[in-house]
């Protein structure tokens, strides 16, 4: 099983256009291409999915169980609100690493709490697009 899933939540499709002071100028396509190139060098495949809809993310997590070595997941704003995503992550055996582009702990207080992180294998915050590559590297070398 040499596959990794890159999963992104709401508004990540707007990268490069929104709040550049927090998220930079790179796009979701840039992230997908960079992570894809990294995992391919190590003989892995990368599947990518982004949705602005919580239920679609839950369905994707359920379908991913047992199919991937790991899931790189940026739940975006759902991080701070979604018990349903927490439960979906907890219900699967495939490990999930939560990634955030900005340092959520330097932002508004409501962003300091992650509902999803306790169900995840690990969390990477504040390293920009590099965080996704580090998560991929963790699965590759694990």
Protein backbone atom coordinates (compact mmCIF):
# COMPACT_ATOMS: atom_id res chain seq x y z
CA UNK A 1 0.00 0.00 0.00
CA UNK A 2 2.12 2.86 -1.29
CA UNK A 3 -0.53 5.52 -1.45
CA UNK A 4 -1.05 8.73 0.51
CA UNK A 5 -4.17 10.89 0.56
CA UNK A 6 -3.92 14.68 0.65
CA UNK A 7 -7.22 15.98 2.02
CA UNK A 8 -8.14 19.66 2.36
CA UNK A 9 -11.16 21.37 3.85
CA UNK A 10 -13.06 24.59 3.22
CA UNK A 11 -11.52 27.55 1.44
CA UNK A 12 -8.20 25.83 0.79
CA UNK A 13 -9.19 25.99 -2.88
CA UNK A 14 -8.82 29.79 -2.48
CA UNK A 15 -5.11 29.67 -1.62
CA UNK A 16 -3.13 32.25 -3.54
CA UNK A 17 -6.14 34.59 -3.58
CA UNK A 18 -7.08 34.96 0.09
CA UNK A 19 -5.33 36.40 3.15
CA UNK A 20 -1.86 36.21 1.68
CA UNK A 21 -0.39 37.51 4.94
CA UNK A 22 -1.39 34.19 6.56
CA UNK A 23 -1.38 31.77 3.65
CA UNK A 24 1.17 33.12 1.18
CA UNK A 25 0.82 33.23 -2.58
CA UNK A 26 1.05 29.51 -3.39
CA UNK A 27 -2.03 27.65 -4.56
CA UNK A 28 -3.58 24.31 -3.68
CA UNK A 29 -2.37 23.06 -7.06
CA UNK A 30 1.19 24.05 -6.07
CA UNK A 31 0.90 22.03 -2.85
CA UNK A 32 -0.54 19.02 -4.67
CA UNK A 33 2.22 19.14 -7.30
CA UNK A 34 5.02 19.53 -4.74
CA UNK A 35 3.77 16.75 -2.46
CA UNK A 36 3.05 14.57 -5.47
CA UNK A 37 6.60 14.97 -6.75
CA UNK A 38 8.04 14.18 -3.31
CA UNK A 39 6.05 10.99 -2.77
CA UNK A 40 6.61 9.82 -6.35
CA UNK A 41 10.39 9.94 -5.75
CA UNK A 42 9.81 7.37 -3.01
CA UNK A 43 7.55 5.13 -5.07
CA UNK A 44 4.26 6.38 -3.63
CA UNK A 45 1.09 7.59 -5.31
CA UNK A 46 -0.76 10.67 -4.11
CA UNK A 47 -4.50 11.15 -4.32
CA UNK A 48 -5.92 14.60 -3.62
CA UNK A 49 -9.35 15.76 -2.53
CA UNK A 50 -10.64 19.14 -1.40
CA UNK A 51 -14.15 20.02 -0.31
CA UNK A 52 -15.96 22.92 1.28
CA UNK A 53 -18.53 20.45 2.64
CA UNK A 54 -18.07 18.65 5.94
CA UNK A 55 -20.04 15.55 4.91
CA UNK A 56 -17.91 15.05 1.81
CA UNK A 57 -14.76 15.17 3.95
CA UNK A 58 -16.26 12.60 6.33
CA UNK A 59 -17.22 10.34 3.42
CA UNK A 60 -13.70 10.66 2.01
CA UNK A 61 -12.14 9.69 5.36
CA UNK A 62 -14.40 6.64 5.62
CA UNK A 63 -13.59 5.51 2.08
CA UNK A 64 -9.86 6.05 2.68
CA UNK A 65 -9.69 3.64 5.60
CA UNK A 66 -7.29 0.82 4.80
CA UNK A 67 -6.58 2.16 1.31
CA UNK A 68 -3.76 4.58 2.21
CA UNK A 69 -0.63 4.39 4.32
CA UNK A 70 -1.57 7.80 5.68
CA UNK A 71 -3.75 10.85 5.27
CA UNK A 72 -2.44 14.42 5.27
CA UNK A 73 -5.42 16.52 6.33
CA UNK A 74 -5.97 20.25 6.62
CA UNK A 75 -9.51 20.48 8.01
CA UNK A 76 -9.22 24.29 7.79
CA UNK A 77 -11.99 26.07 9.72
CA UNK A 78 -13.64 22.73 10.57
CA UNK A 79 -10.62 22.09 12.80
CA UNK A 80 -12.14 24.28 15.47
CA UNK A 81 -15.76 23.21 15.20
CA UNK A 82 -16.22 19.68 13.93
CA UNK A 83 -16.79 16.88 16.37
CA UNK A 84 -18.06 14.92 13.36
CA UNK A 85 -14.64 15.10 11.67
CA UNK A 86 -12.96 14.15 14.96
CA UNK A 87 -15.22 11.10 15.17
CA UNK A 88 -14.58 10.17 11.52
CA UNK A 89 -10.81 10.34 12.02
CA UNK A 90 -11.07 8.33 15.22
CA UNK A 91 -13.22 5.69 13.50
CA UNK A 92 -10.58 4.76 10.91
CA UNK A 93 -7.35 2.83 11.32
CA UNK A 94 -5.38 4.82 8.72
CA UNK A 95 -3.23 7.41 10.51
CA UNK A 96 -3.98 11.09 9.90
CA UNK A 97 -1.57 14.01 10.28
CA UNK A 98 -3.31 17.36 10.67
CA UNK A 99 -1.61 20.23 8.84
CA UNK A 100 -2.17 23.98 9.07
CA UNK A 101 -0.40 26.50 6.87
CA UNK A 102 -0.51 29.35 9.38
CA UNK A 103 0.44 29.16 13.04
CA UNK A 104 -3.06 28.92 14.46
CA UNK A 105 -1.69 29.64 17.96
CA UNK A 106 -0.64 33.14 16.86
CA UNK A 107 -4.09 33.95 15.50
CA UNK A 108 -7.54 34.51 16.96
CA UNK A 109 -8.29 32.68 20.21
CA UNK A 110 -10.98 30.51 18.59
CA UNK A 111 -8.29 29.00 16.35
CA UNK A 112 -6.20 27.82 19.32
CA UNK A 113 -8.36 24.75 19.94
CA UNK A 114 -8.44 21.85 17.52
CA UNK A 115 -11.37 19.47 17.77
CA UNK A 116 -9.69 17.13 15.30
CA UNK A 117 -6.08 16.98 16.58
CA UNK A 118 -6.77 14.59 19.48
CA UNK A 119 -7.91 11.96 16.96
CA UNK A 120 -4.83 12.47 14.74
CA UNK A 121 -1.45 10.76 14.71
CA UNK A 122 0.24 14.18 14.75
CA UNK A 123 -0.12 17.86 13.92
CA UNK A 124 2.06 20.33 11.97
CA UNK A 125 1.27 24.05 12.19
CA UNK A 126 2.78 27.29 10.96
CA UNK A 127 5.30 26.01 8.42
CA UNK A 128 3.42 27.06 5.30
CA UNK A 129 3.25 24.65 2.39
CA UNK A 130 6.30 22.84 3.78
CA UNK A 131 4.05 21.34 6.47
CA UNK A 132 2.36 19.16 3.86
CA UNK A 133 5.71 17.83 2.64
CA UNK A 134 6.83 17.11 6.20
CA UNK A 135 3.67 15.14 6.82
CA UNK A 136 4.26 13.16 3.63
CA UNK A 137 7.85 12.51 4.69
CA UNK A 138 6.61 11.18 8.03
CA UNK A 139 4.48 8.58 6.24
CA UNK A 140 7.22 7.71 3.77
CA UNK A 141 9.84 7.07 6.46
CA UNK A 142 7.47 5.47 8.98
